[in-house]
Amino acid sequence: MKISRTTLAIALSGTLALASSAIQATPISGGSLQSLLDGITLGGTSSIDVNADQYGPDAVWTQTASGISTARILFEIAGYKDVNSFGIYDARDPSRRLEIFSGPNGPGSVSLVLDLGSNDKGAITFSSTILPIGTDTASFTTDMFGFYLETPNNIWYSEDHRNADGKDHMVTFAGNNSDQISVPGFFGLPTGYNPWTDKEFILAWEDLPASSSDDDYDDFVVLVSNVMSVPEPGTLAIAGAGLLAFGFGMRLRRRS
């Protein structure tokens, strides 16, 4: 008995729906982050609700086909704002990191992140250039990466399980091609309004450990573009288990 494409599509949608249901929103306290989003949105009200419209999975990422991404600091409401640093890390080896912004960089700072390709040993070289000058490079074992925020006391990762307190320190919001936002430009001056596209993501960070956190996620807020998330192994396992169960059921049906 052959499985029709329609039947397979139904099975896939069911298992992926089950997988996506495992993604839980991270509670955000206070109204600061919502006010910040509203403040850069044309009309003064964002269509994004910071508690209800979080994007996921957001732990592991890769670049789109262009191999060029941008990052722009939107806000830093934190005591550590002059010392925090932000970047990407190798999803297989978090000791391999590439700094994108350092402490002195503030709202309006822009960086280009490029995938420079692999060498004969398969290592991927990424470079980060803070406009107008200043370039760093790092060698990763894969083209998949996470984001990190380093404070004087901790390094927080987009993968929760790597964090010392097990807490989700980064929440993500995806553009919807509808909202128009004005982001900080050079010297922090606002730019004109432009569509917030579905290839752009706002990453909002909490920079304090769970024991002393206020959970407002406005400590470091950055807009990244031309990246896409990669399903986490747990999500893929749920989907795979669903398809396995579906296939087993079809075998039993054939035998009967």
Protein backbone atom coordinates (compact mmCIF):
# COMPACT_ATOMS: atom_id res chain seq x y z
CA MET A 1 0.00 0.00 0.00
CA LYS A 2 1.41 3.40 -1.02
CA ILE A 3 1.14 6.42 1.24
CA SER A 4 -0.42 9.33 -0.62
CA ARG A 5 1.20 12.76 -0.55
CA THR A 6 -1.89 14.12 1.14
CA THR A 7 -1.72 11.51 3.89
CA LEU A 8 1.99 12.14 4.37
CA ALA A 9 1.43 15.91 4.50
CA ILE A 10 -1.21 15.45 7.20
CA ALA A 11 1.19 13.27 9.18
CA LEU A 12 4.01 15.79 8.82
CA SER A 13 1.82 18.73 9.82
CA GLY A 14 0.61 16.84 12.86
CA THR A 15 4.07 15.93 14.07
CA LEU A 16 5.47 19.42 13.43
CA ALA A 17 2.51 20.95 15.24
CA LEU A 18 3.28 18.68 18.17
CA ALA A 19 6.93 19.73 18.00
CA SER A 20 6.15 23.44 17.86
CA SER A 21 3.79 23.10 20.82
CA ALA A 22 6.85 22.22 22.89
CA ILE A 23 8.16 25.77 22.40
CA GLN A 24 7.17 27.71 25.49
CA ALA A 25 7.09 31.50 25.75
CA THR A 26 9.45 33.08 28.27
CA PRO A 27 7.55 35.38 30.67
CA ILE A 28 8.69 39.01 30.40
CA SER A 29 8.13 41.27 33.40
CA GLY A 30 7.19 44.94 33.34
CA GLY A 31 6.32 46.98 30.29
CA SER A 32 9.73 48.31 29.30
CA LEU A 33 10.41 46.00 26.34
CA GLN A 34 6.90 46.46 24.96
CA SER A 35 7.23 50.24 25.26
CA LEU A 36 10.56 50.15 23.43
CA LEU A 37 9.04 48.20 20.53
CA ASP A 38 6.02 50.49 20.44
CA GLY A 39 8.32 53.49 20.43
CA ILE A 40 10.09 52.52 17.20
CA THR A 41 6.90 51.45 15.41
CA LEU A 42 5.03 53.75 13.05
CA GLY A 43 1.80 54.75 14.81
CA GLY A 44 3.24 54.08 18.26
CA THR A 45 1.82 50.55 18.69
CA SER A 46 3.66 47.41 17.65
CA SER A 47 1.67 44.45 16.38
CA ILE A 48 4.08 42.31 18.40
CA ASP A 49 3.04 41.40 21.93
CA VAL A 50 6.30 40.59 23.72
CA ASN A 51 4.74 37.79 25.76
CA ALA A 52 2.41 36.29 23.16
CA ASP A 53 4.43 36.63 19.93
CA GLN A 54 7.83 35.20 20.72
CA TYR A 55 9.54 33.41 17.84
CA GLY A 56 10.93 29.92 18.15
CA PRO A 57 12.91 27.82 17.99
CA ASP A 58 15.62 30.44 18.44
CA ALA A 59 18.54 28.53 19.95
CA VAL A 60 20.59 27.63 16.85
CA TRP A 61 20.89 29.61 13.62
CA THR A 62 22.58 29.74 10.24
CA GLN A 63 22.92 32.38 7.57
CA THR A 64 20.72 32.62 4.50
CA ALA A 65 22.13 31.83 1.06
CA SER A 66 23.81 35.23 0.73
CA GLY A 67 26.29 34.43 3.49
CA ILE A 68 26.08 38.03 4.69
CA SER A 69 24.18 39.12 7.80
CA THR A 70 23.83 42.43 9.57
CA ALA A 71 23.41 43.30 13.22
CA ARG A 72 22.34 46.65 14.68
CA ILE A 73 22.08 47.57 18.35
CA LEU A 74 18.63 48.99 19.14
CA PHE A 75 18.63 49.49 22.92
CA GLU A 76 20.79 48.90 26.01
CA ILE A 77 18.97 49.49 29.29
CA ALA A 78 21.52 47.97 31.66
CA GLY A 79 24.14 48.78 34.22
CA TYR A 80 26.52 46.61 32.19
CA LYS A 81 25.84 48.47 28.93
CA ASP A 82 29.42 49.75 28.66
CA VAL A 83 31.01 46.33 29.21
CA ASN A 84 28.60 43.76 27.73
CA SER A 85 29.74 42.11 24.49
CA PHE A 86 27.64 40.26 21.93
CA GLY A 87 28.43 37.76 19.22
CA ILE A 88 28.00 34.28 17.78
CA TYR A 89 29.47 30.95 18.89
CA ASP A 90 30.03 27.58 17.25
CA ALA A 91 26.96 25.42 17.90
CA ARG A 92 29.22 22.38 18.33
CA ASP A 93 31.96 24.08 20.32
CA PRO A 94 30.88 27.18 22.31
CA SER A 95 34.50 27.98 23.14
CA ARG A 96 34.78 29.18 19.54
CA ARG A 97 33.25 32.67 19.53
CA LEU A 98 33.18 35.69 17.27
CA GLU A 99 32.55 39.05 18.91
CA ILE A 100 30.19 41.28 16.91
CA PHE A 101 29.83 44.19 19.37
CA SER A 102 31.97 45.14 22.36
CA GLY A 103 31.11 47.24 25.41
CA PRO A 104 31.75 50.69 23.90
CA ASN A 105 29.35 50.01 21.00
CA GLY A 106 25.91 51.50 21.63
CA PRO A 107 22.54 51.95 19.91
CA GLY A 108 22.95 52.53 16.18
CA SER A 109 26.17 50.52 15.90
CA VAL A 110 26.10 48.28 12.82
CA SER A 111 28.14 45.18 12.03
CA LEU A 112 28.41 42.95 8.96
CA VAL A 113 28.91 39.22 9.55
CA LEU A 114 30.25 37.20 6.62
CA ASP A 115 30.69 33.49 6.02
CA LEU A 116 34.09 33.40 4.31
CA GLY A 117 33.79 29.70 3.44
CA SER A 118 35.63 26.60 4.55
CA ASN A 119 39.26 25.56 4.32
CA ASP A 120 40.64 22.17 3.27
CA LYS A 121 39.93 20.82 6.78
CA GLY A 122 36.28 21.86 6.69
CA ALA A 123 36.58 24.73 9.19
CA ILE A 124 34.20 27.63 8.50
CA THR A 125 35.63 31.14 8.86
CA PHE A 126 33.31 33.93 9.93
CA SER A 127 34.25 37.59 10.00
CA SER A 128 32.60 40.52 11.76
CA THR A 129 33.16 44.10 10.65
CA ILE A 130 31.86 47.00 12.72
CA LEU A 131 31.14 49.83 10.33
CA PRO A 132 33.00 51.79 9.23
CA ILE A 133 36.14 49.93 10.38
CA GLY A 134 37.28 47.09 12.61
CA THR A 135 37.23 43.40 11.64
CA ASP A 136 37.50 40.20 13.68
CA THR A 137 37.50 36.61 12.42
CA ALA A 138 36.88 33.21 14.01
CA SER A 139 37.03 29.62 12.82
CA PHE A 140 33.98 27.38 13.49
CA THR A 141 33.50 23.66 12.91
CA THR A 142 30.05 24.21 11.39
CA ASP A 143 27.97 26.90 9.71
CA MET A 144 25.43 26.61 12.55
CA PHE A 145 25.82 29.05 15.43
CA GLY A 146 24.16 30.44 18.52
CA PHE A 147 24.16 33.98 19.86
CA TYR A 148 25.83 34.95 23.13
CA LEU A 149 25.90 37.91 25.49
CA GLU A 150 28.94 38.20 27.74
CA THR A 151 28.76 40.15 30.99
CA PRO A 152 31.50 40.71 33.59
CA ASN A 153 30.31 37.61 35.47
CA ASN A 154 28.72 35.26 32.94
CA ILE A 155 28.33 34.26 29.32
CA TRP A 156 24.69 33.73 28.35
CA TYR A 157 23.87 31.57 25.35
CA SER A 158 20.84 31.32 23.07
CA GLU A 159 20.84 27.60 23.91
CA ASP A 160 19.29 27.51 27.39
CA HIS A 161 21.02 24.29 28.42
CA ARG A 162 24.43 25.98 28.13
CA ASN A 163 23.53 28.67 30.67
CA ALA A 164 24.80 28.22 34.21
CA ASP A 165 21.33 28.88 35.65
CA GLY A 166 19.45 26.94 32.94
CA LYS A 167 17.44 30.07 32.19
CA ASP A 168 16.34 31.42 28.80
CA HIS A 169 18.30 34.68 28.54
CA MET A 170 17.27 35.58 24.97
CA VAL A 171 13.80 36.02 23.47
CA THR A 172 13.23 36.57 19.77
CA PHE A 173 10.67 38.42 17.67
CA ALA A 174 10.31 38.03 13.90
CA GLY A 175 9.28 40.75 11.47
CA ASN A 176 5.93 40.34 9.75
CA ASN A 177 6.37 42.56 6.65
CA SER A 178 3.62 44.76 8.10
CA ASP A 179 5.01 46.87 10.94
CA GLN A 180 7.19 49.80 9.97
CA ILE A 181 10.00 50.59 12.37
CA SER A 182 12.55 53.36 12.76
CA VAL A 183 15.80 52.05 14.20
CA PRO A 184 18.75 53.98 15.68
CA GLY A 185 21.21 55.12 13.03
CA PHE A 186 24.75 56.40 13.39
CA PHE A 187 25.30 58.37 16.61
CA GLY A 188 21.97 56.94 17.84
CA LEU A 189 19.92 59.23 15.59
CA PRO A 190 16.65 57.67 14.38
CA THR A 191 16.32 56.52 10.79
CA GLY A 192 13.21 56.76 8.64
CA TYR A 193 10.47 54.13 8.89
CA ASN A 194 10.97 50.93 6.91
CA PRO A 195 9.12 47.60 6.86
CA TRP A 196 10.22 45.09 9.50
CA THR A 197 10.66 42.10 7.18
CA ASP A 198 10.38 38.40 7.91
CA LYS A 199 14.14 38.09 7.36
CA GLU A 200 14.82 40.37 10.33
CA PHE A 201 14.74 39.29 13.97
CA ILE A 202 14.91 41.27 17.19
CA LEU A 203 16.88 39.50 19.94
CA ALA A 204 16.16 40.79 23.45
CA TRP A 205 18.43 39.76 26.32
CA GLU A 206 18.34 39.51 30.10
CA ASP A 207 21.91 39.98 31.35
CA LEU A 208 21.54 38.98 35.02
CA PRO A 209 21.40 35.45 36.50
CA ALA A 210 18.08 33.99 37.59
CA SER A 211 18.84 34.71 41.25
CA SER A 212 18.98 38.48 40.69
CA SER A 213 17.15 38.97 37.39
CA ASP A 214 14.25 41.39 36.88
CA ASP A 215 13.20 39.47 33.72
CA ASP A 216 12.58 42.63 31.68
CA TYR A 217 14.72 41.51 28.69
CA ASP A 218 15.66 45.05 27.71
CA ASP A 219 19.32 44.90 28.78
CA PHE A 220 20.62 44.37 25.24
CA VAL A 221 18.29 44.46 22.22
CA VAL A 222 19.67 43.89 18.73
CA LEU A 223 18.20 43.58 15.23
CA VAL A 224 19.76 40.84 13.05
CA SER A 225 18.99 40.13 9.41
CA ASN A 226 19.52 37.40 6.81
CA VAL A 227 19.65 34.58 9.34
CA MET A 228 17.33 31.63 9.86
CA SER A 229 16.78 29.37 12.82
CA VAL A 230 17.62 25.67 12.76
CA PRO A 231 15.29 23.22 14.56
CA GLU A 232 16.77 22.03 17.82
CA PRO A 233 17.57 18.30 18.16
CA GLY A 234 14.70 17.86 20.63
CA THR A 235 12.22 19.33 18.18
CA LEU A 236 13.48 17.10 15.39
CA ALA A 237 13.27 14.09 17.71
CA ILE A 238 9.60 14.79 18.43
CA ALA A 239 8.85 15.11 14.72
CA GLY A 240 10.86 11.97 13.95
CA ALA A 241 9.06 10.00 16.64
CA GLY A 242 5.74 11.09 15.20
CA LEU A 243 6.68 9.96 11.72
CA LEU A 244 8.03 6.68 13.09
CA ALA A 245 4.76 6.03 14.89
CA PHE A 246 2.85 6.92 11.72
CA GLY A 247 4.93 4.47 9.65
CA PHE A 248 4.47 1.71 12.23
CA GLY A 249 0.73 2.27 12.17
CA MET A 250 0.66 2.00 8.38
CA ARG A 251 2.56 -1.31 8.55
CA LEU A 252 0.03 -2.72 11.02
CA ARG A 253 -2.78 -1.54 8.76
CA ARG A 254 -1.24 -3.32 5.76
CA ARG A 255 -0.88 -6.58 7.71
CA SER A 256 -4.48 -6.51 8.84
